[in-house]
Amino acid sequence: MPRTRNRLIAAARRSMLQRAELHRRLDAARAALRPSALVDRGKYRIGEAADDAAHAVQEQFRNNRLPIAIAAAAGAIWLLREPIREHAPKLARKVQDLAADIAGHFRVPEEPADEDDTEELEEDNEAVR
């Protein structure tokens, strides 16, 4: 009879351990299926996907800086095309006027040649001969 009793005690312990394990798993499943846990898991996955996408964009930008910069500049110009069409002629005129003023500032004024100066040079040349 003691053997049977020991077997019953061992079986009761096993069943209690199994029951405790089942309760632990059930609690974990219940916690995992709570709406807040599902939302948190979704946020985490979206965050991971966003991080992966950001990393991929950074790598592509590092590898292709010039084409991406040109495309970005072209896109910005395309977005601003209406204001550019409106203000470009005025700006072009201002730039042309500014360039003309700067060129006029550095231009040497042309003076008519005085005949007196040329006569002096001719006299100097004759004296040297």
C-alpha atoms as a PDB file:
ATOM      1  CA  MET A   1       0.000   0.000   0.000  1.00  0.00           C
ATOM      2  CA  PRO A   2       2.800   2.470   0.648  1.00  0.00           C
ATOM      3  CA  ARG A   3       3.844   2.102  -3.002  1.00  0.00           C
ATOM      4  CA  THR A   4       0.400   3.024  -4.171  1.00  0.00           C
ATOM      5  CA  ARG A   5       0.336   5.934  -1.786  1.00  0.00           C
ATOM      6  CA  ASN A   6       3.703   7.201  -3.061  1.00  0.00           C
ATOM      7  CA  ARG A   7       2.451   6.841  -6.644  1.00  0.00           C
ATOM      8  CA  LEU A   8      -0.649   8.834  -5.799  1.00  0.00           C
ATOM      9  CA  ILE A   9       1.415  11.538  -4.142  1.00  0.00           C
ATOM     10  CA  ALA A  10       3.793  11.715  -7.153  1.00  0.00           C
ATOM     11  CA  ALA A  11       0.816  11.838  -9.547  1.00  0.00           C
ATOM     12  CA  ALA A  12      -0.761  14.630  -7.487  1.00  0.00           C
ATOM     13  CA  ARG A  13       2.523  16.603  -7.608  1.00  0.00           C
ATOM     14  CA  ARG A  14       2.817  16.127 -11.365  1.00  0.00           C
ATOM     15  CA  SER A  15      -0.755  17.248 -11.879  1.00  0.00           C
ATOM     16  CA  MET A  16      -0.184  20.318  -9.677  1.00  0.00           C
ATOM     17  CA  LEU A  17       2.963  21.189 -11.656  1.00  0.00           C
ATOM     18  CA  GLN A  18       1.110  20.671 -14.928  1.00  0.00           C
ATOM     19  CA  ARG A  19      -1.785  22.783 -13.681  1.00  0.00           C
ATOM     20  CA  ALA A  20       0.618  25.538 -12.602  1.00  0.00           C
ATOM     21  CA  GLU A  21       2.327  25.400 -16.012  1.00  0.00           C
ATOM     22  CA  LEU A  22      -1.052  25.588 -17.775  1.00  0.00           C
ATOM     23  CA  HIS A  23      -2.067  28.577 -15.625  1.00  0.00           C
ATOM     24  CA  ARG A  24       1.238  30.293 -16.382  1.00  0.00           C
ATOM     25  CA  ARG A  25       0.768  29.741 -20.129  1.00  0.00           C
ATOM     26  CA  LEU A  26      -2.857  30.861 -19.932  1.00  0.00           C
ATOM     27  CA  ASP A  27      -1.848  34.046 -18.114  1.00  0.00           C
ATOM     28  CA  ALA A  28       0.868  34.716 -20.703  1.00  0.00           C
ATOM     29  CA  ALA A  29      -1.620  34.161 -23.543  1.00  0.00           C
ATOM     30  CA  ARG A  30      -4.212  36.343 -21.812  1.00  0.00           C
ATOM     31  CA  ALA A  31      -1.636  39.113 -21.361  1.00  0.00           C
ATOM     32  CA  ALA A  32      -0.485  38.794 -24.986  1.00  0.00           C
ATOM     33  CA  LEU A  33      -4.042  39.039 -26.319  1.00  0.00           C
ATOM     34  CA  ARG A  34      -5.039  42.113 -24.319  1.00  0.00           C
ATOM     35  CA  PRO A  35      -5.882  45.040 -26.624  1.00  0.00           C
ATOM     36  CA  SER A  36      -3.145  47.237 -25.168  1.00  0.00           C
ATOM     37  CA  ALA A  37      -0.578  44.469 -25.687  1.00  0.00           C
ATOM     38  CA  LEU A  38      -1.727  43.996 -29.271  1.00  0.00           C
ATOM     39  CA  VAL A  39      -1.460  47.737 -29.881  1.00  0.00           C
ATOM     40  CA  ASP A  40       2.006  47.833 -28.319  1.00  0.00           C
ATOM     41  CA  ARG A  41       3.127  44.929 -30.476  1.00  0.00           C
ATOM     42  CA  GLY A  42       1.745  46.640 -33.571  1.00  0.00           C
ATOM     43  CA  LYS A  43       3.525  49.878 -32.675  1.00  0.00           C
ATOM     44  CA  TYR A  44       6.760  47.976 -32.188  1.00  0.00           C
ATOM     45  CA  ARG A  45       6.456  46.250 -35.566  1.00  0.00           C
ATOM     46  CA  ILE A  46       5.612  49.521 -37.308  1.00  0.00           C
ATOM     47  CA  GLY A  47       8.539  51.187 -35.559  1.00  0.00           C
ATOM     48  CA  GLU A  48      10.861  48.404 -36.667  1.00  0.00           C
ATOM     49  CA  ALA A  49       9.594  48.671 -40.232  1.00  0.00           C
ATOM     50  CA  ALA A  50      10.060  52.447 -40.172  1.00  0.00           C
ATOM     51  CA  ASP A  51      13.587  52.042 -38.807  1.00  0.00           C
ATOM     52  CA  ASP A  52      14.402  49.511 -41.512  1.00  0.00           C
ATOM     53  CA  ALA A  53      13.006  51.835 -44.187  1.00  0.00           C
ATOM     54  CA  ALA A  54      14.956  54.795 -42.792  1.00  0.00           C
ATOM     55  CA  HIS A  55      18.137  52.730 -42.774  1.00  0.00           C
ATOM     56  CA  ALA A  56      17.545  51.664 -46.389  1.00  0.00           C
ATOM     57  CA  VAL A  57      16.955  55.293 -47.418  1.00  0.00           C
ATOM     58  CA  GLN A  58      20.138  56.385 -45.658  1.00  0.00           C
ATOM     59  CA  GLU A  59      22.137  53.684 -47.427  1.00  0.00           C
ATOM     60  CA  GLN A  60      20.702  54.635 -50.807  1.00  0.00           C
ATOM     61  CA  PHE A  61      21.421  58.310 -50.174  1.00  0.00           C
ATOM     62  CA  ARG A  62      24.994  57.503 -49.158  1.00  0.00           C
ATOM     63  CA  ASN A  63      25.502  55.417 -52.274  1.00  0.00           C
ATOM     64  CA  ASN A  64      23.730  57.798 -54.707  1.00  0.00           C
ATOM     65  CA  ARG A  65      24.142  61.323 -53.354  1.00  0.00           C
ATOM     66  CA  LEU A  66      24.355  63.238 -56.617  1.00  0.00           C
ATOM     67  CA  PRO A  67      21.369  61.690 -58.441  1.00  0.00           C
ATOM     68  CA  ILE A  68      19.175  61.999 -55.362  1.00  0.00           C
ATOM     69  CA  ALA A  69      20.251  65.609 -54.793  1.00  0.00           C
ATOM     70  CA  ILE A  70      19.517  66.458 -58.429  1.00  0.00           C
ATOM     71  CA  ALA A  71      16.126  64.777 -58.205  1.00  0.00           C
ATOM     72  CA  ALA A  72      15.340  66.622 -54.969  1.00  0.00           C
ATOM     73  CA  ALA A  73      16.312  69.963 -56.493  1.00  0.00           C
ATOM     74  CA  ALA A  74      14.249  69.227 -59.596  1.00  0.00           C
ATOM     75  CA  GLY A  75      11.288  68.284 -57.418  1.00  0.00           C
ATOM     76  CA  ALA A  76      11.578  71.477 -55.395  1.00  0.00           C
ATOM     77  CA  ILE A  77      11.772  73.555 -58.570  1.00  0.00           C
ATOM     78  CA  TRP A  78       8.753  71.739 -59.981  1.00  0.00           C
ATOM     79  CA  LEU A  79       6.786  72.443 -56.799  1.00  0.00           C
ATOM     80  CA  LEU A  80       7.727  76.124 -56.998  1.00  0.00           C
ATOM     81  CA  ARG A  81       7.180  76.446 -60.756  1.00  0.00           C
ATOM     82  CA  GLU A  82       4.282  78.930 -60.543  1.00  0.00           C
ATOM     83  CA  PRO A  83       6.081  81.445 -58.306  1.00  0.00           C
ATOM     84  CA  ILE A  84       9.190  81.023 -60.435  1.00  0.00           C
ATOM     85  CA  ARG A  85       7.231  81.798 -63.616  1.00  0.00           C
ATOM     86  CA  GLU A  86       5.824  84.881 -61.949  1.00  0.00           C
ATOM     87  CA  HIS A  87       9.029  86.290 -60.468  1.00  0.00           C
ATOM     88  CA  ALA A  88      11.741  85.017 -62.841  1.00  0.00           C
ATOM     89  CA  PRO A  89      11.446  87.815 -65.452  1.00  0.00           C
ATOM     90  CA  LYS A  90      11.743  90.525 -62.774  1.00  0.00           C
ATOM     91  CA  LEU A  91      14.695  88.767 -61.188  1.00  0.00           C
ATOM     92  CA  ALA A  92      16.395  88.296 -64.563  1.00  0.00           C
ATOM     93  CA  ARG A  93      16.020  92.013 -65.315  1.00  0.00           C
ATOM     94  CA  LYS A  94      17.483  92.924 -61.922  1.00  0.00           C
ATOM     95  CA  VAL A  95      20.435  90.583 -62.452  1.00  0.00           C
ATOM     96  CA  GLN A  96      21.067  92.023 -65.925  1.00  0.00           C
ATOM     97  CA  ASP A  97      20.923  95.566 -64.575  1.00  0.00           C
ATOM     98  CA  LEU A  98      23.308  94.658 -61.762  1.00  0.00           C
ATOM     99  CA  ALA A  99      25.722  93.003 -64.206  1.00  0.00           C
ATOM    100  CA  ALA A 100      25.578  96.069 -66.470  1.00  0.00           C
ATOM    101  CA  ASP A 101      26.284  98.372 -63.515  1.00  0.00           C
ATOM    102  CA  ILE A 102      29.245  96.254 -62.432  1.00  0.00           C
ATOM    103  CA  ALA A 103      30.593  96.105 -65.983  1.00  0.00           C
ATOM    104  CA  GLY A 104      30.132  99.878 -66.295  1.00  0.00           C
ATOM    105  CA  HIS A 105      32.021 100.411 -63.067  1.00  0.00           C
ATOM    106  CA  PHE A 106      35.064  98.504 -64.326  1.00  0.00           C
ATOM    107  CA  ARG A 107      34.908  99.785 -67.909  1.00  0.00           C
ATOM    108  CA  VAL A 108      37.571 102.365 -68.793  1.00  0.00           C
ATOM    109  CA  PRO A 109      35.907 105.395 -70.328  1.00  0.00           C
ATOM    110  CA  GLU A 110      36.915 105.865 -73.912  1.00  0.00           C
ATOM    111  CA  GLU A 111      38.272 109.369 -74.533  1.00  0.00           C
ATOM    112  CA  PRO A 112      38.874 110.756 -77.976  1.00  0.00           C
ATOM    113  CA  ALA A 113      42.552 110.879 -78.772  1.00  0.00           C
ATOM    114  CA  ASP A 114      43.941 114.413 -78.513  1.00  0.00           C
ATOM    115  CA  GLU A 115      46.018 115.498 -81.443  1.00  0.00           C
ATOM    116  CA  ASP A 116      48.422 117.308 -79.109  1.00  0.00           C
ATOM    117  CA  ASP A 117      49.406 114.038 -77.416  1.00  0.00           C
ATOM    118  CA  THR A 118      50.096 112.334 -80.716  1.00  0.00           C
ATOM    119  CA  GLU A 119      52.225 115.266 -81.922  1.00  0.00           C
ATOM    120  CA  GLU A 120      54.362 115.070 -78.786  1.00  0.00           C
ATOM    121  CA  LEU A 121      54.863 111.353 -79.339  1.00  0.00           C
ATOM    122  CA  GLU A 122      55.817 111.953 -82.946  1.00  0.00           C
ATOM    123  CA  GLU A 123      58.311 114.623 -81.909  1.00  0.00           C
ATOM    124  CA  ASP A 124      59.814 112.262 -79.346  1.00  0.00           C
ATOM    125  CA  ASN A 125      60.149 109.581 -81.991  1.00  0.00           C
ATOM    126  CA  GLU A 126      61.881 111.994 -84.396  1.00  0.00           C
ATOM    127  CA  ALA A 127      64.283 113.098 -81.712  1.00  0.00           C
ATOM    128  CA  VAL A 128      65.359 109.552 -81.017  1.00  0.00           C
ATOM    129  CA  ARG A 129      66.258 108.948 -84.641  1.00  0.00           C
END
